[in-house]
Amino acid sequence: MARTSKFSTLLLLGAVAYLAAWPVDIEPAAWEAPGILPATGALAANDALADCNVFARMPGDGPDSLAIDAIGYVYTGLGNGRILRISPDGSSTSTLATFDGRATGIAFDRAGNIIVADQRGGAVYT
């Protein structure tokens, strides 16, 4: 058995050495990243959002995604796994559900059921 093991090891090392020395017809080319675009035109700083109001403050890490139901409630997911329901005027927030994940996508199907995409668990919940 030791003889077979030595032979297998030598055969493997020989194959690795052969493949390492195999000539390759590829010439790598360096890539130069383009320079930073100037902050002009569409990229220029502006105050287009200066007059916006804060709709609601979220506790914790998030929100990641927003969905609005048929009567105007806003739903969002936080980094701690909570899915929040926010009143249409933003005055009250309640926890709709909590799960061991991160809701990075929230939507409603045609029947009004909530659909949640979980980034951590790689799943979609209904």
N, C-alpha and C. Protein backbone atom coordinates (compact mmCIF):
# COMPACT_ATOMS: atom_id res chain seq x y z
N MET A 1 0.82 -1.19 0.00
CA MET A 1 0.00 0.00 0.00
C MET A 1 0.86 1.25 0.00
N ALA A 2 1.97 1.21 0.74
CA ALA A 2 2.87 2.36 0.78
C ALA A 2 3.48 2.59 -0.60
N ARG A 3 3.74 1.50 -1.32
CA ARG A 3 4.32 1.62 -2.66
C ARG A 3 3.33 2.29 -3.61
N THR A 4 2.04 1.93 -3.51
CA THR A 4 1.01 2.54 -4.35
C THR A 4 0.86 4.01 -4.01
N SER A 5 0.92 4.34 -2.74
CA SER A 5 0.81 5.73 -2.30
C SER A 5 1.97 6.57 -2.83
N LYS A 6 3.18 6.03 -2.76
CA LYS A 6 4.35 6.75 -3.28
C LYS A 6 4.23 6.94 -4.79
N PHE A 7 3.79 5.88 -5.48
CA PHE A 7 3.64 5.97 -6.93
C PHE A 7 2.59 7.03 -7.30
N SER A 8 1.47 7.03 -6.58
CA SER A 8 0.41 8.01 -6.85
C SER A 8 0.90 9.43 -6.60
N THR A 9 1.67 9.60 -5.53
CA THR A 9 2.21 10.92 -5.21
C THR A 9 3.17 11.39 -6.28
N LEU A 10 4.06 10.50 -6.71
CA LEU A 10 5.02 10.85 -7.77
C LEU A 10 4.30 11.16 -9.08
N LEU A 11 3.28 10.38 -9.39
CA LEU A 11 2.51 10.61 -10.61
C LEU A 11 1.81 11.98 -10.55
N LEU A 12 1.23 12.29 -9.41
CA LEU A 12 0.57 13.58 -9.24
C LEU A 12 1.56 14.74 -9.34
N LEU A 13 2.71 14.62 -8.68
CA LEU A 13 3.73 15.66 -8.76
C LEU A 13 4.25 15.83 -10.18
N GLY A 14 4.42 14.74 -10.88
CA GLY A 14 4.86 14.81 -12.28
C GLY A 14 3.84 15.52 -13.14
N ALA A 15 2.56 15.22 -12.94
CA ALA A 15 1.50 15.88 -13.72
C ALA A 15 1.45 17.37 -13.42
N VAL A 16 1.60 17.74 -12.15
CA VAL A 16 1.60 19.16 -11.78
C VAL A 16 2.79 19.87 -12.39
N ALA A 17 3.97 19.27 -12.34
CA ALA A 17 5.17 19.88 -12.92
C ALA A 17 5.01 20.03 -14.43
N TYR A 18 4.45 19.03 -15.09
CA TYR A 18 4.24 19.08 -16.53
C TYR A 18 3.29 20.22 -16.90
N LEU A 19 2.17 20.31 -16.18
CA LEU A 19 1.19 21.36 -16.48
C LEU A 19 1.71 22.75 -16.14
N ALA A 20 2.55 22.85 -15.11
CA ALA A 20 3.12 24.15 -14.74
C ALA A 20 4.07 24.66 -15.81
N ALA A 21 4.74 23.76 -16.51
CA ALA A 21 5.70 24.16 -17.53
C ALA A 21 5.07 24.23 -18.92
N TRP A 22 3.81 23.90 -19.05
CA TRP A 22 3.13 23.88 -20.34
C TRP A 22 3.09 25.29 -20.92
N PRO A 23 3.49 25.47 -22.17
CA PRO A 23 3.47 26.82 -22.76
C PRO A 23 2.02 27.28 -23.01
N VAL A 24 1.79 28.54 -22.74
CA VAL A 24 0.46 29.13 -22.91
C VAL A 24 0.56 30.23 -23.96
N ASP A 25 -0.37 30.24 -24.90
CA ASP A 25 -0.35 31.23 -25.98
C ASP A 25 -1.11 32.50 -25.63
N ILE A 26 -1.13 32.86 -24.38
CA ILE A 26 -1.85 34.07 -23.95
C ILE A 26 -0.83 35.09 -23.48
N GLU A 27 -0.96 36.30 -24.01
CA GLU A 27 -0.11 37.40 -23.58
C GLU A 27 -0.96 38.34 -22.73
N PRO A 28 -0.74 38.40 -21.44
CA PRO A 28 -1.54 39.30 -20.61
C PRO A 28 -1.27 40.76 -20.97
N ALA A 29 -2.32 41.55 -20.89
CA ALA A 29 -2.20 42.97 -21.19
C ALA A 29 -2.62 43.77 -19.97
N ALA A 30 -1.87 44.79 -19.66
CA ALA A 30 -2.20 45.66 -18.53
C ALA A 30 -3.40 46.53 -18.90
N TRP A 31 -4.25 46.81 -17.93
CA TRP A 31 -5.41 47.66 -18.15
C TRP A 31 -5.24 48.92 -17.32
N GLU A 32 -5.42 50.03 -17.96
CA GLU A 32 -5.34 51.32 -17.28
C GLU A 32 -6.75 51.82 -17.03
N ALA A 33 -7.08 52.06 -15.79
CA ALA A 33 -8.41 52.59 -15.46
C ALA A 33 -8.52 54.03 -15.95
N PRO A 34 -9.69 54.40 -16.45
CA PRO A 34 -9.86 55.79 -16.88
C PRO A 34 -9.79 56.72 -15.68
N GLY A 35 -9.44 57.94 -15.93
CA GLY A 35 -9.36 58.92 -14.84
C GLY A 35 -10.72 59.21 -14.24
N ILE A 36 -10.72 59.87 -13.12
CA ILE A 36 -11.96 60.24 -12.45
C ILE A 36 -12.66 61.32 -13.28
N LEU A 37 -13.95 61.12 -13.49
CA LEU A 37 -14.72 62.09 -14.27
C LEU A 37 -14.86 63.39 -13.49
N PRO A 38 -14.81 64.51 -14.18
CA PRO A 38 -14.99 65.78 -13.47
C PRO A 38 -16.44 65.93 -13.01
N ALA A 39 -16.64 66.58 -11.89
CA ALA A 39 -17.98 66.78 -11.33
C ALA A 39 -18.64 67.97 -12.02
N THR A 40 -18.97 67.78 -13.30
CA THR A 40 -19.64 68.82 -14.07
C THR A 40 -20.85 68.22 -14.76
N GLY A 41 -21.71 69.06 -15.27
CA GLY A 41 -22.90 68.59 -15.97
C GLY A 41 -23.80 67.78 -15.05
N ALA A 42 -24.18 66.58 -15.48
CA ALA A 42 -25.06 65.73 -14.68
C ALA A 42 -24.40 65.28 -13.39
N LEU A 43 -23.08 65.31 -13.32
CA LEU A 43 -22.36 64.88 -12.12
C LEU A 43 -22.06 66.03 -11.16
N ALA A 44 -22.45 67.22 -11.51
CA ALA A 44 -22.16 68.39 -10.67
C ALA A 44 -22.96 68.33 -9.37
N ALA A 45 -22.36 68.82 -8.30
CA ALA A 45 -23.07 68.89 -7.02
C ALA A 45 -24.28 69.81 -7.16
N ASN A 46 -25.37 69.44 -6.52
CA ASN A 46 -26.56 70.28 -6.56
C ASN A 46 -27.32 70.14 -5.25
N ASP A 47 -28.36 70.90 -5.10
CA ASP A 47 -29.16 70.85 -3.89
C ASP A 47 -30.59 70.41 -4.20
N ALA A 48 -30.73 69.52 -5.17
CA ALA A 48 -32.05 69.07 -5.59
C ALA A 48 -32.83 68.40 -4.46
N LEU A 49 -32.14 67.80 -3.51
CA LEU A 49 -32.83 67.13 -2.40
C LEU A 49 -32.86 67.96 -1.13
N ALA A 50 -32.41 69.19 -1.20
CA ALA A 50 -32.32 70.03 0.00
C ALA A 50 -33.67 70.29 0.65
N ASP A 51 -34.73 70.35 -0.13
CA ASP A 51 -36.05 70.67 0.42
C ASP A 51 -36.87 69.43 0.78
N CYS A 52 -36.27 68.25 0.71
CA CYS A 52 -37.00 67.02 1.05
C CYS A 52 -37.18 66.91 2.56
N ASN A 53 -38.27 66.30 2.96
CA ASN A 53 -38.55 66.07 4.37
C ASN A 53 -38.25 64.62 4.73
N VAL A 54 -37.89 64.37 5.97
CA VAL A 54 -37.69 63.01 6.45
C VAL A 54 -39.07 62.41 6.68
N PHE A 55 -39.36 61.31 5.99
CA PHE A 55 -40.67 60.65 6.11
C PHE A 55 -40.78 59.90 7.43
N ALA A 56 -39.76 59.12 7.77
CA ALA A 56 -39.75 58.36 9.02
C ALA A 56 -38.31 57.98 9.34
N ARG A 57 -37.99 57.93 10.61
CA ARG A 57 -36.66 57.49 11.05
C ARG A 57 -36.72 56.01 11.37
N MET A 58 -35.72 55.28 10.90
CA MET A 58 -35.67 53.84 11.12
C MET A 58 -34.70 53.50 12.24
N PRO A 59 -35.11 52.64 13.17
CA PRO A 59 -34.17 52.17 14.18
C PRO A 59 -33.27 51.09 13.59
N GLY A 60 -32.01 51.11 13.91
CA GLY A 60 -31.12 50.05 13.45
C GLY A 60 -30.55 50.29 12.07
N ASP A 61 -30.10 49.21 11.46
CA ASP A 61 -29.41 49.22 10.18
C ASP A 61 -30.42 49.04 9.06
N GLY A 62 -30.54 50.02 8.20
CA GLY A 62 -31.48 49.93 7.10
C GLY A 62 -32.16 51.27 6.93
N PRO A 63 -33.18 51.41 6.19
CA PRO A 63 -33.90 50.40 5.43
C PRO A 63 -33.20 50.05 4.11
N ASP A 64 -33.52 48.87 3.61
CA ASP A 64 -32.91 48.43 2.36
C ASP A 64 -33.85 48.53 1.17
N SER A 65 -35.12 48.31 1.38
CA SER A 65 -36.07 48.29 0.29
C SER A 65 -37.40 48.83 0.80
N LEU A 66 -38.20 49.37 -0.10
CA LEU A 66 -39.51 49.89 0.27
C LEU A 66 -40.58 49.31 -0.63
N ALA A 67 -41.75 49.08 -0.06
CA ALA A 67 -42.92 48.68 -0.84
C ALA A 67 -44.13 49.36 -0.21
N ILE A 68 -45.09 49.75 -1.02
CA ILE A 68 -46.28 50.45 -0.54
C ILE A 68 -47.50 49.60 -0.88
N ASP A 69 -48.35 49.35 0.13
CA ASP A 69 -49.54 48.53 -0.12
C ASP A 69 -50.66 49.38 -0.72
N ALA A 70 -51.80 48.76 -0.95
CA ALA A 70 -52.92 49.41 -1.64
C ALA A 70 -53.51 50.58 -0.87
N ILE A 71 -53.34 50.61 0.47
CA ILE A 71 -53.92 51.71 1.24
C ILE A 71 -52.88 52.72 1.71
N GLY A 72 -51.64 52.57 1.25
CA GLY A 72 -50.62 53.58 1.50
C GLY A 72 -49.62 53.29 2.59
N TYR A 73 -49.72 52.13 3.26
CA TYR A 73 -48.71 51.79 4.26
C TYR A 73 -47.40 51.45 3.57
N VAL A 74 -46.30 51.86 4.17
CA VAL A 74 -44.96 51.62 3.62
C VAL A 74 -44.32 50.49 4.41
N TYR A 75 -43.72 49.54 3.71
CA TYR A 75 -43.06 48.40 4.34
C TYR A 75 -41.58 48.45 3.99
N THR A 76 -40.74 48.13 4.95
CA THR A 76 -39.31 48.12 4.72
C THR A 76 -38.65 47.07 5.60
N GLY A 77 -37.47 46.64 5.22
CA GLY A 77 -36.71 45.67 6.01
C GLY A 77 -35.46 46.31 6.58
N LEU A 78 -35.08 45.87 7.77
CA LEU A 78 -33.88 46.36 8.44
C LEU A 78 -32.82 45.26 8.48
N GLY A 79 -31.60 45.66 8.77
CA GLY A 79 -30.49 44.72 8.83
C GLY A 79 -30.60 43.69 9.94
N ASN A 80 -31.40 43.97 10.96
CA ASN A 80 -31.55 43.04 12.07
C ASN A 80 -32.67 42.03 11.86
N GLY A 81 -33.25 41.98 10.66
CA GLY A 81 -34.29 41.00 10.35
C GLY A 81 -35.71 41.47 10.59
N ARG A 82 -35.88 42.69 11.04
CA ARG A 82 -37.24 43.21 11.26
C ARG A 82 -37.83 43.75 9.97
N ILE A 83 -39.10 43.46 9.75
CA ILE A 83 -39.85 44.06 8.65
C ILE A 83 -40.84 45.02 9.29
N LEU A 84 -40.74 46.28 8.91
CA LEU A 84 -41.54 47.33 9.53
C LEU A 84 -42.69 47.76 8.63
N ARG A 85 -43.78 48.15 9.28
CA ARG A 85 -44.94 48.73 8.60
C ARG A 85 -45.05 50.17 9.10
N ILE A 86 -45.02 51.12 8.18
CA ILE A 86 -45.04 52.54 8.53
C ILE A 86 -46.36 53.13 8.03
N SER A 87 -46.99 53.92 8.88
CA SER A 87 -48.27 54.53 8.50
C SER A 87 -48.08 55.45 7.30
N PRO A 88 -49.16 55.68 6.54
CA PRO A 88 -49.04 56.52 5.33
C PRO A 88 -48.47 57.91 5.57
N ASP A 89 -48.66 58.47 6.78
CA ASP A 89 -48.11 59.79 7.05
C ASP A 89 -46.74 59.72 7.74
N GLY A 90 -46.24 58.51 8.01
CA GLY A 90 -44.92 58.35 8.63
C GLY A 90 -44.90 58.55 10.13
N SER A 91 -46.08 58.72 10.74
CA SER A 91 -46.12 59.04 12.17
C SER A 91 -45.96 57.83 13.08
N SER A 92 -46.26 56.64 12.60
CA SER A 92 -46.13 55.46 13.46
C SER A 92 -45.49 54.30 12.70
N THR A 93 -44.74 53.52 13.46
CA THR A 93 -44.03 52.37 12.90
C THR A 93 -44.32 51.15 13.77
N SER A 94 -44.62 50.03 13.14
CA SER A 94 -44.82 48.79 13.88
C SER A 94 -44.04 47.67 13.21
N THR A 95 -43.67 46.66 14.00
CA THR A 95 -42.94 45.52 13.47
C THR A 95 -43.95 44.51 12.93
N LEU A 96 -43.88 44.24 11.64
CA LEU A 96 -44.77 43.28 11.00
C LEU A 96 -44.27 41.86 11.24
N ALA A 97 -42.96 41.66 11.14
CA ALA A 97 -42.35 40.34 11.32
C ALA A 97 -40.88 40.50 11.65
N THR A 98 -40.32 39.46 12.23
CA THR A 98 -38.89 39.40 12.51
C THR A 98 -38.40 38.03 12.08
N PHE A 99 -37.29 37.98 11.37
CA PHE A 99 -36.72 36.70 10.98
C PHE A 99 -35.21 36.80 11.02
N ASP A 100 -34.54 35.67 10.93
CA ASP A 100 -33.08 35.62 11.02
C ASP A 100 -32.49 35.84 9.63
N GLY A 101 -32.56 37.05 9.15
CA GLY A 101 -32.06 37.36 7.82
C GLY A 101 -32.00 38.86 7.63
N ARG A 102 -31.92 39.28 6.37
CA ARG A 102 -31.90 40.70 6.04
C ARG A 102 -32.77 40.89 4.80
N ALA A 103 -33.87 41.60 4.98
CA ALA A 103 -34.83 41.81 3.89
C ALA A 103 -34.31 42.91 2.97
N THR A 104 -33.68 42.51 1.88
CA THR A 104 -33.13 43.49 0.94
C THR A 104 -34.07 43.75 -0.23
N GLY A 105 -35.16 43.05 -0.28
CA GLY A 105 -36.15 43.28 -1.32
C GLY A 105 -37.54 43.00 -0.78
N ILE A 106 -38.45 43.93 -0.96
CA ILE A 106 -39.83 43.76 -0.51
C ILE A 106 -40.75 44.20 -1.63
N ALA A 107 -41.80 43.41 -1.88
CA ALA A 107 -42.77 43.74 -2.92
C ALA A 107 -44.11 43.10 -2.53
N PHE A 108 -45.13 43.44 -3.29
CA PHE A 108 -46.44 42.82 -3.11
C PHE A 108 -46.83 42.12 -4.39
N ASP A 109 -47.47 40.94 -4.27
CA ASP A 109 -47.96 40.27 -5.47
C ASP A 109 -49.33 40.86 -5.82
N ARG A 110 -49.95 40.35 -6.88
CA ARG A 110 -51.21 40.91 -7.35
C ARG A 110 -52.34 40.75 -6.34
N ALA A 111 -52.22 39.74 -5.48
CA ALA A 111 -53.25 39.51 -4.46
C ALA A 111 -53.01 40.34 -3.20
N GLY A 112 -51.92 41.10 -3.15
CA GLY A 112 -51.62 41.93 -2.00
C GLY A 112 -50.77 41.26 -0.94
N ASN A 113 -50.28 40.06 -1.22
CA ASN A 113 -49.40 39.36 -0.27
C ASN A 113 -48.00 39.93 -0.35
N ILE A 114 -47.36 40.06 0.81
CA ILE A 114 -46.00 40.60 0.84
C ILE A 114 -45.00 39.51 0.46
N ILE A 115 -43.99 39.89 -0.30
CA ILE A 115 -42.92 38.99 -0.72
C ILE A 115 -41.62 39.62 -0.25
N VAL A 116 -40.79 38.83 0.44
CA VAL A 116 -39.55 39.35 1.02
C VAL A 116 -38.37 38.54 0.50
N ALA A 117 -37.34 39.22 -0.01
CA ALA A 117 -36.10 38.57 -0.43
C ALA A 117 -35.09 38.70 0.71
N ASP A 118 -34.55 37.56 1.14
CA ASP A 118 -33.60 37.51 2.25
C ASP A 118 -32.18 37.40 1.69
N GLN A 119 -31.40 38.45 1.89
CA GLN A 119 -30.03 38.49 1.36
C GLN A 119 -29.13 37.51 2.10
N ARG A 120 -29.28 37.38 3.40
CA ARG A 120 -28.41 36.49 4.17
C ARG A 120 -28.72 35.02 3.91
N GLY A 121 -29.99 34.68 3.88
CA GLY A 121 -30.38 33.28 3.73
C GLY A 121 -30.53 32.84 2.30
N GLY A 122 -30.50 33.80 1.36
CA GLY A 122 -30.64 33.45 -0.05
C GLY A 122 -32.01 32.85 -0.35
N ALA A 123 -33.06 33.39 0.26
CA ALA A 123 -34.40 32.84 0.09
C ALA A 123 -35.39 33.96 -0.20
N VAL A 124 -36.54 33.55 -0.73
CA VAL A 124 -37.66 34.47 -0.95
C VAL A 124 -38.83 33.93 -0.15
N TYR A 125 -39.42 34.78 0.67
CA TYR A 125 -40.54 34.39 1.53
C TYR A 125 -41.82 35.07 1.08
N THR A 126 -42.94 34.38 1.27
CA THR A 126 -44.26 34.98 0.99
C THR A 126 -45.10 34.91 2.24
